[in-house]
Amino acid sequence: MNHLFDGWEPWHGPIAARPTGALVADRVGKSTAYAIYNLQERGEIFIGTGTQVYEGMIVGENARPADMDVNVTKEKKLTNMRAATADDALRLVPPRLLNLEQSIEFINDDELVEVTPGNIRLRKRILAANQRPKKEG
């Protein structure tokens, strides 16, 4: 048998909530490098390119306190016009992959951890963006 109980202590007050919001996918599809590149300045990303996402799935941590609905499936517009610097390679910051303990620690009251044999995903309790109450930040 194994246990992690260290002892009893007096109450230290309520557990502090996460001060940041979440980046939430607003549509179904596969994430693209172009969309993730443009979202990097908004916060830290939890998924890589080519990941299948759905509406209400948490794809990153917002730098601000409010949740933000984002389009991680956005593709670059293809045009006939070419510029000298238009097709530079996108440099992506590696995603922060959360394990089960980190996922449980990360979530707020309106969020859930979804565990499947192949993935650990974070999602909003209410998936549809128009039915979710807005968290003021």
N, C-alpha and C. Protein backbone atom coordinates (compact mmCIF):
# COMPACT_ATOMS: atom_id res chain seq x y z
N MET A 1 0.83 -1.18 0.00
CA MET A 1 0.00 0.00 0.00
C MET A 1 0.87 1.24 0.00
N ASN A 2 0.31 2.30 -0.52
CA ASN A 2 1.05 3.56 -0.62
C ASN A 2 0.09 4.70 -0.28
N HIS A 3 0.57 5.72 0.40
CA HIS A 3 -0.25 6.90 0.67
C HIS A 3 0.63 8.13 0.70
N LEU A 4 -0.02 9.31 0.53
CA LEU A 4 0.70 10.57 0.49
C LEU A 4 0.29 11.51 1.61
N PHE A 5 -0.42 11.03 2.61
CA PHE A 5 -0.89 11.88 3.70
C PHE A 5 0.29 12.30 4.55
N ASP A 6 0.43 13.62 4.75
CA ASP A 6 1.57 14.14 5.50
C ASP A 6 1.17 14.60 6.90
N GLY A 7 -0.08 14.94 7.08
CA GLY A 7 -0.52 15.39 8.40
C GLY A 7 -1.61 16.43 8.30
N TRP A 8 -2.21 16.73 9.42
CA TRP A 8 -3.29 17.73 9.48
C TRP A 8 -2.69 19.11 9.74
N GLU A 9 -3.27 20.11 9.10
CA GLU A 9 -2.86 21.50 9.33
C GLU A 9 -4.10 22.36 9.47
N PRO A 10 -3.97 23.53 10.10
CA PRO A 10 -5.14 24.41 10.20
C PRO A 10 -5.54 24.92 8.81
N TRP A 11 -6.79 25.35 8.70
CA TRP A 11 -7.32 25.82 7.43
C TRP A 11 -6.57 27.06 6.99
N HIS A 12 -6.11 27.09 5.74
CA HIS A 12 -5.32 28.20 5.20
C HIS A 12 -6.14 29.13 4.31
N GLY A 13 -7.44 28.95 4.25
CA GLY A 13 -8.29 29.79 3.41
C GLY A 13 -8.65 29.09 2.12
N PRO A 14 -9.45 29.75 1.30
CA PRO A 14 -9.86 29.11 0.05
C PRO A 14 -8.69 28.93 -0.92
N ILE A 15 -8.79 27.92 -1.75
CA ILE A 15 -7.76 27.66 -2.75
C ILE A 15 -7.84 28.74 -3.83
N ALA A 16 -6.72 29.31 -4.16
CA ALA A 16 -6.69 30.39 -5.14
C ALA A 16 -7.08 29.86 -6.52
N ALA A 17 -7.90 30.61 -7.23
CA ALA A 17 -8.31 30.23 -8.58
C ALA A 17 -7.27 30.71 -9.59
N ARG A 18 -7.34 30.18 -10.77
CA ARG A 18 -6.43 30.57 -11.85
C ARG A 18 -6.72 32.02 -12.25
N PRO A 19 -5.72 32.89 -12.27
CA PRO A 19 -5.97 34.30 -12.59
C PRO A 19 -6.12 34.57 -14.09
N THR A 20 -5.85 33.59 -14.92
CA THR A 20 -5.92 33.78 -16.37
C THR A 20 -7.13 33.08 -16.95
N GLY A 21 -7.50 33.47 -18.15
CA GLY A 21 -8.61 32.84 -18.85
C GLY A 21 -8.11 31.72 -19.74
N ALA A 22 -9.02 31.22 -20.57
CA ALA A 22 -8.69 30.13 -21.48
C ALA A 22 -8.91 30.56 -22.92
N LEU A 23 -8.13 29.98 -23.82
CA LEU A 23 -8.37 30.13 -25.25
C LEU A 23 -9.21 28.93 -25.67
N VAL A 24 -10.42 29.19 -26.16
CA VAL A 24 -11.39 28.14 -26.43
C VAL A 24 -11.67 28.09 -27.93
N ALA A 25 -11.60 26.88 -28.51
CA ALA A 25 -11.88 26.72 -29.94
C ALA A 25 -13.35 27.03 -30.20
N ASP A 26 -13.62 27.75 -31.30
CA ASP A 26 -14.99 28.15 -31.60
C ASP A 26 -15.60 27.37 -32.75
N ARG A 27 -14.88 26.37 -33.30
CA ARG A 27 -15.43 25.57 -34.39
C ARG A 27 -14.69 24.24 -34.50
N VAL A 28 -15.28 23.32 -35.22
CA VAL A 28 -14.72 21.98 -35.43
C VAL A 28 -13.75 22.01 -36.59
N GLY A 29 -12.66 21.25 -36.49
CA GLY A 29 -11.70 21.15 -37.58
C GLY A 29 -10.33 20.75 -37.07
N LYS A 30 -9.34 20.86 -37.94
CA LYS A 30 -7.95 20.57 -37.56
C LYS A 30 -7.20 21.87 -37.38
N SER A 31 -6.38 21.94 -36.35
CA SER A 31 -5.61 23.15 -36.09
C SER A 31 -4.54 23.31 -37.16
N THR A 32 -4.26 24.57 -37.50
CA THR A 32 -3.26 24.87 -38.53
C THR A 32 -2.12 25.70 -37.93
N ALA A 33 -0.95 25.58 -38.54
CA ALA A 33 0.22 26.35 -38.08
C ALA A 33 -0.03 27.84 -38.21
N TYR A 34 -0.71 28.25 -39.26
CA TYR A 34 -0.99 29.67 -39.50
C TYR A 34 -1.83 30.25 -38.35
N ALA A 35 -2.87 29.53 -37.94
CA ALA A 35 -3.73 30.01 -36.86
C ALA A 35 -2.99 30.02 -35.53
N ILE A 36 -2.25 28.96 -35.24
CA ILE A 36 -1.51 28.88 -33.97
C ILE A 36 -0.44 29.96 -33.90
N TYR A 37 0.22 30.23 -35.02
CA TYR A 37 1.23 31.29 -35.06
C TYR A 37 0.63 32.64 -34.66
N ASN A 38 -0.56 32.93 -35.17
CA ASN A 38 -1.22 34.20 -34.85
C ASN A 38 -1.79 34.24 -33.44
N LEU A 39 -2.00 33.09 -32.81
CA LEU A 39 -2.54 33.04 -31.45
C LEU A 39 -1.45 33.04 -30.38
N GLN A 40 -0.21 32.81 -30.75
CA GLN A 40 0.87 32.72 -29.77
C GLN A 40 1.01 33.97 -28.92
N GLU A 41 0.73 35.13 -29.49
CA GLU A 41 0.85 36.38 -28.72
C GLU A 41 -0.29 36.55 -27.73
N ARG A 42 -1.37 35.81 -27.90
CA ARG A 42 -2.53 35.89 -26.99
C ARG A 42 -2.31 35.09 -25.70
N GLY A 43 -1.47 34.08 -25.77
CA GLY A 43 -1.24 33.25 -24.59
C GLY A 43 -0.48 31.99 -24.95
N GLU A 44 -0.47 31.04 -24.03
CA GLU A 44 0.26 29.79 -24.21
C GLU A 44 -0.66 28.74 -24.83
N ILE A 45 -0.17 28.02 -25.83
CA ILE A 45 -0.96 27.06 -26.58
C ILE A 45 -0.71 25.65 -26.03
N PHE A 46 -1.80 24.84 -25.97
CA PHE A 46 -1.72 23.47 -25.45
C PHE A 46 -1.74 22.40 -26.53
N ILE A 47 -2.00 22.76 -27.78
CA ILE A 47 -2.13 21.77 -28.85
C ILE A 47 -1.13 22.06 -29.96
N GLY A 48 -0.82 21.05 -30.74
CA GLY A 48 0.08 21.20 -31.87
C GLY A 48 -0.72 21.34 -33.16
N THR A 49 -0.01 21.47 -34.27
CA THR A 49 -0.68 21.58 -35.55
C THR A 49 -1.25 20.22 -35.94
N GLY A 50 -2.37 20.24 -36.64
CA GLY A 50 -3.00 19.01 -37.09
C GLY A 50 -3.84 18.31 -36.05
N THR A 51 -4.02 18.93 -34.89
CA THR A 51 -4.85 18.35 -33.84
C THR A 51 -6.32 18.59 -34.15
N GLN A 52 -7.13 17.55 -34.04
CA GLN A 52 -8.56 17.68 -34.27
C GLN A 52 -9.17 18.40 -33.07
N VAL A 53 -9.89 19.51 -33.31
CA VAL A 53 -10.51 20.28 -32.23
C VAL A 53 -12.01 20.35 -32.46
N TYR A 54 -12.73 20.71 -31.41
CA TYR A 54 -14.18 20.87 -31.49
C TYR A 54 -14.58 22.11 -30.71
N GLU A 55 -15.79 22.59 -30.96
CA GLU A 55 -16.27 23.80 -30.28
C GLU A 55 -16.33 23.56 -28.78
N GLY A 56 -15.73 24.46 -28.02
CA GLY A 56 -15.71 24.35 -26.57
C GLY A 56 -14.45 23.71 -26.02
N MET A 57 -13.58 23.22 -26.88
CA MET A 57 -12.32 22.61 -26.43
C MET A 57 -11.33 23.71 -26.07
N ILE A 58 -10.67 23.57 -24.93
CA ILE A 58 -9.67 24.55 -24.49
C ILE A 58 -8.36 24.23 -25.20
N VAL A 59 -7.84 25.20 -25.97
CA VAL A 59 -6.63 24.99 -26.75
C VAL A 59 -5.44 25.78 -26.20
N GLY A 60 -5.66 26.59 -25.17
CA GLY A 60 -4.55 27.36 -24.61
C GLY A 60 -4.98 28.18 -23.42
N GLU A 61 -4.01 28.86 -22.84
CA GLU A 61 -4.24 29.73 -21.68
C GLU A 61 -4.11 31.17 -22.13
N ASN A 62 -5.16 31.96 -21.90
CA ASN A 62 -5.17 33.36 -22.28
C ASN A 62 -4.31 34.16 -21.30
N ALA A 63 -3.63 35.16 -21.78
CA ALA A 63 -2.80 36.00 -20.92
C ALA A 63 -3.67 36.93 -20.06
N ARG A 64 -4.91 37.15 -20.46
CA ARG A 64 -5.83 38.02 -19.73
C ARG A 64 -6.81 37.18 -18.91
N PRO A 65 -7.54 37.80 -17.97
CA PRO A 65 -8.43 37.03 -17.10
C PRO A 65 -9.67 36.45 -17.80
N ALA A 66 -10.09 37.01 -18.91
CA ALA A 66 -11.33 36.55 -19.56
C ALA A 66 -11.04 35.41 -20.53
N ASP A 67 -12.03 34.55 -20.74
CA ASP A 67 -11.93 33.50 -21.75
C ASP A 67 -12.10 34.13 -23.13
N MET A 68 -11.43 33.54 -24.12
CA MET A 68 -11.49 34.07 -25.48
C MET A 68 -11.77 32.93 -26.45
N ASP A 69 -12.81 33.09 -27.26
CA ASP A 69 -13.11 32.13 -28.31
C ASP A 69 -12.21 32.43 -29.50
N VAL A 70 -11.49 31.41 -29.98
CA VAL A 70 -10.52 31.60 -31.06
C VAL A 70 -10.75 30.57 -32.16
N ASN A 71 -10.30 30.91 -33.36
CA ASN A 71 -10.39 30.01 -34.50
C ASN A 71 -9.00 29.42 -34.75
N VAL A 72 -8.78 28.18 -34.31
CA VAL A 72 -7.48 27.54 -34.52
C VAL A 72 -7.44 26.75 -35.82
N THR A 73 -8.52 26.80 -36.60
CA THR A 73 -8.57 26.10 -37.88
C THR A 73 -8.39 27.05 -39.06
N LYS A 74 -8.11 28.32 -38.79
CA LYS A 74 -7.98 29.33 -39.84
C LYS A 74 -6.80 29.01 -40.75
N GLU A 75 -7.06 29.09 -42.04
CA GLU A 75 -6.01 28.83 -43.03
C GLU A 75 -5.59 30.12 -43.72
N LYS A 76 -4.37 30.13 -44.21
CA LYS A 76 -3.85 31.30 -44.90
C LYS A 76 -4.58 31.48 -46.22
N LYS A 77 -4.93 32.71 -46.55
CA LYS A 77 -5.58 33.01 -47.82
C LYS A 77 -4.58 32.81 -48.95
N LEU A 78 -5.00 32.09 -49.96
CA LEU A 78 -4.13 31.87 -51.12
C LEU A 78 -4.51 32.84 -52.22
N THR A 79 -3.54 33.62 -52.67
CA THR A 79 -3.80 34.60 -53.73
C THR A 79 -2.78 34.41 -54.85
N ASN A 80 -3.01 35.06 -55.95
CA ASN A 80 -2.07 35.03 -57.06
C ASN A 80 -0.87 35.93 -56.82
N MET A 81 -1.05 36.95 -55.99
CA MET A 81 0.02 37.91 -55.74
C MET A 81 1.05 37.32 -54.79
N ARG A 82 2.31 37.49 -55.10
CA ARG A 82 3.39 37.00 -54.26
C ARG A 82 4.28 38.16 -53.84
N ALA A 83 4.66 38.16 -52.60
CA ALA A 83 5.60 39.17 -52.10
C ALA A 83 6.90 38.45 -51.73
N ALA A 84 7.96 39.20 -51.63
CA ALA A 84 9.26 38.61 -51.36
C ALA A 84 9.31 37.95 -49.98
N THR A 85 8.64 38.52 -49.00
CA THR A 85 8.70 37.98 -47.64
C THR A 85 7.41 37.30 -47.21
N ALA A 86 6.49 37.09 -48.11
CA ALA A 86 5.16 36.58 -47.74
C ALA A 86 5.18 35.12 -47.32
N ASP A 87 6.07 34.31 -47.88
CA ASP A 87 6.05 32.88 -47.60
C ASP A 87 7.18 32.45 -46.67
N ASP A 88 7.51 33.25 -45.69
CA ASP A 88 8.52 32.87 -44.71
C ASP A 88 7.99 31.72 -43.85
N ALA A 89 8.90 30.89 -43.36
CA ALA A 89 8.51 29.78 -42.50
C ALA A 89 8.00 30.31 -41.16
N LEU A 90 6.94 29.71 -40.67
CA LEU A 90 6.37 30.12 -39.38
C LEU A 90 7.12 29.44 -38.25
N ARG A 91 7.53 30.21 -37.27
CA ARG A 91 8.24 29.63 -36.13
C ARG A 91 7.26 29.53 -34.96
N LEU A 92 6.91 28.31 -34.62
CA LEU A 92 5.96 28.06 -33.54
C LEU A 92 6.68 27.69 -32.26
N VAL A 93 6.18 28.22 -31.15
CA VAL A 93 6.66 27.82 -29.84
C VAL A 93 6.08 26.43 -29.57
N PRO A 94 6.87 25.49 -29.07
CA PRO A 94 6.32 24.16 -28.80
C PRO A 94 5.14 24.24 -27.82
N PRO A 95 4.09 23.45 -28.03
CA PRO A 95 2.93 23.52 -27.14
C PRO A 95 3.25 22.98 -25.76
N ARG A 96 2.53 23.48 -24.76
CA ARG A 96 2.66 22.97 -23.39
C ARG A 96 1.70 21.80 -23.25
N LEU A 97 2.22 20.59 -23.22
CA LEU A 97 1.38 19.40 -23.11
C LEU A 97 1.16 19.11 -21.63
N LEU A 98 -0.10 19.04 -21.23
CA LEU A 98 -0.45 18.83 -19.82
C LEU A 98 -0.72 17.36 -19.55
N ASN A 99 -0.19 16.85 -18.44
CA ASN A 99 -0.56 15.50 -18.03
C ASN A 99 -1.84 15.57 -17.21
N LEU A 100 -2.30 14.45 -16.68
CA LEU A 100 -3.58 14.41 -15.98
C LEU A 100 -3.58 15.31 -14.74
N GLU A 101 -2.53 15.27 -13.95
CA GLU A 101 -2.48 16.08 -12.73
C GLU A 101 -2.45 17.57 -13.05
N GLN A 102 -1.67 17.96 -14.05
CA GLN A 102 -1.60 19.36 -14.45
C GLN A 102 -2.94 19.83 -15.01
N SER A 103 -3.64 18.97 -15.73
CA SER A 103 -4.95 19.31 -16.29
C SER A 103 -5.97 19.55 -15.19
N ILE A 104 -5.99 18.67 -14.20
CA ILE A 104 -6.93 18.82 -13.08
C ILE A 104 -6.63 20.09 -12.29
N GLU A 105 -5.35 20.40 -12.13
CA GLU A 105 -4.95 21.61 -11.41
C GLU A 105 -5.31 22.87 -12.20
N PHE A 106 -5.30 22.80 -13.53
CA PHE A 106 -5.52 23.96 -14.39
C PHE A 106 -6.98 24.39 -14.45
N ILE A 107 -7.92 23.47 -14.42
CA ILE A 107 -9.32 23.79 -14.73
C ILE A 107 -9.98 24.67 -13.68
N ASN A 108 -10.97 25.46 -14.14
CA ASN A 108 -11.83 26.25 -13.27
C ASN A 108 -13.15 25.50 -13.08
N ASP A 109 -14.10 26.12 -12.37
CA ASP A 109 -15.37 25.46 -12.07
C ASP A 109 -16.21 25.18 -13.31
N ASP A 110 -16.05 25.97 -14.37
CA ASP A 110 -16.86 25.77 -15.58
C ASP A 110 -16.14 24.95 -16.64
N GLU A 111 -15.10 24.22 -16.25
CA GLU A 111 -14.31 23.45 -17.19
C GLU A 111 -14.19 21.99 -16.73
N LEU A 112 -13.93 21.11 -17.68
CA LEU A 112 -13.81 19.68 -17.41
C LEU A 112 -12.53 19.13 -18.03
N VAL A 113 -12.05 18.01 -17.49
CA VAL A 113 -10.95 17.26 -18.09
C VAL A 113 -11.55 16.04 -18.75
N GLU A 114 -11.24 15.84 -20.02
CA GLU A 114 -11.76 14.71 -20.79
C GLU A 114 -10.61 13.73 -21.01
N VAL A 115 -10.76 12.52 -20.49
CA VAL A 115 -9.70 11.51 -20.58
C VAL A 115 -10.18 10.37 -21.46
N THR A 116 -9.42 10.10 -22.53
CA THR A 116 -9.68 8.98 -23.42
C THR A 116 -8.41 8.14 -23.47
N PRO A 117 -8.47 6.94 -24.03
CA PRO A 117 -7.24 6.13 -24.09
C PRO A 117 -6.09 6.81 -24.83
N GLY A 118 -6.39 7.67 -25.80
CA GLY A 118 -5.33 8.31 -26.56
C GLY A 118 -5.00 9.74 -26.17
N ASN A 119 -5.90 10.44 -25.46
CA ASN A 119 -5.72 11.88 -25.21
C ASN A 119 -6.22 12.29 -23.84
N ILE A 120 -5.67 13.38 -23.39
CA ILE A 120 -6.20 14.12 -22.23
C ILE A 120 -6.50 15.51 -22.76
N ARG A 121 -7.78 15.90 -22.76
CA ARG A 121 -8.20 17.20 -23.30
C ARG A 121 -8.93 17.99 -22.23
N LEU A 122 -8.87 19.31 -22.38
CA LEU A 122 -9.62 20.22 -21.52
C LEU A 122 -10.78 20.76 -22.35
N ARG A 123 -11.92 20.96 -21.71
CA ARG A 123 -13.08 21.50 -22.42
C ARG A 123 -13.93 22.30 -21.46
N LYS A 124 -14.78 23.15 -22.04
CA LYS A 124 -15.75 23.89 -21.25
C LYS A 124 -16.90 22.96 -20.91
N ARG A 125 -17.54 23.21 -19.78
CA ARG A 125 -18.70 22.40 -19.38
C ARG A 125 -19.83 22.55 -20.42
N ILE A 126 -20.06 23.78 -20.87
CA ILE A 126 -21.03 24.06 -21.92
C ILE A 126 -20.24 24.35 -23.19
N LEU A 127 -20.40 23.48 -24.20
CA LEU A 127 -19.57 23.58 -25.39
C LEU A 127 -19.94 24.75 -26.29
N ALA A 128 -21.21 25.02 -26.50
CA ALA A 128 -21.64 26.07 -27.42
C ALA A 128 -21.29 27.45 -26.87
N ALA A 129 -20.59 28.24 -27.66
CA ALA A 129 -20.13 29.56 -27.20
C ALA A 129 -21.29 30.50 -26.89
N ASN A 130 -22.39 30.41 -27.66
CA ASN A 130 -23.51 31.33 -27.43
C ASN A 130 -24.34 30.95 -26.20
N GLN A 131 -24.12 29.79 -25.62
CA GLN A 131 -24.85 29.38 -24.41
C GLN A 131 -24.01 29.52 -23.14
N ARG A 132 -22.72 29.76 -23.30
CA ARG A 132 -21.82 29.92 -22.15
C ARG A 132 -21.96 31.30 -21.53
N PRO A 133 -22.04 31.40 -20.21
CA PRO A 133 -22.03 32.73 -19.59
C PRO A 133 -20.64 33.35 -19.72
N LYS A 134 -20.59 34.65 -19.98
CA LYS A 134 -19.33 35.34 -20.16
C LYS A 134 -18.69 35.62 -18.80
N LYS A 135 -17.40 35.30 -18.69
CA LYS A 135 -16.62 35.58 -17.48
C LYS A 135 -16.00 36.95 -17.66
N GLU A 136 -16.39 37.89 -16.85
CA GLU A 136 -15.85 39.26 -16.96
C GLU A 136 -14.48 39.31 -16.33
N GLY A 137 -13.52 39.94 -17.02
CA GLY A 137 -12.16 39.97 -16.50
C GLY A 137 -11.64 41.33 -16.28
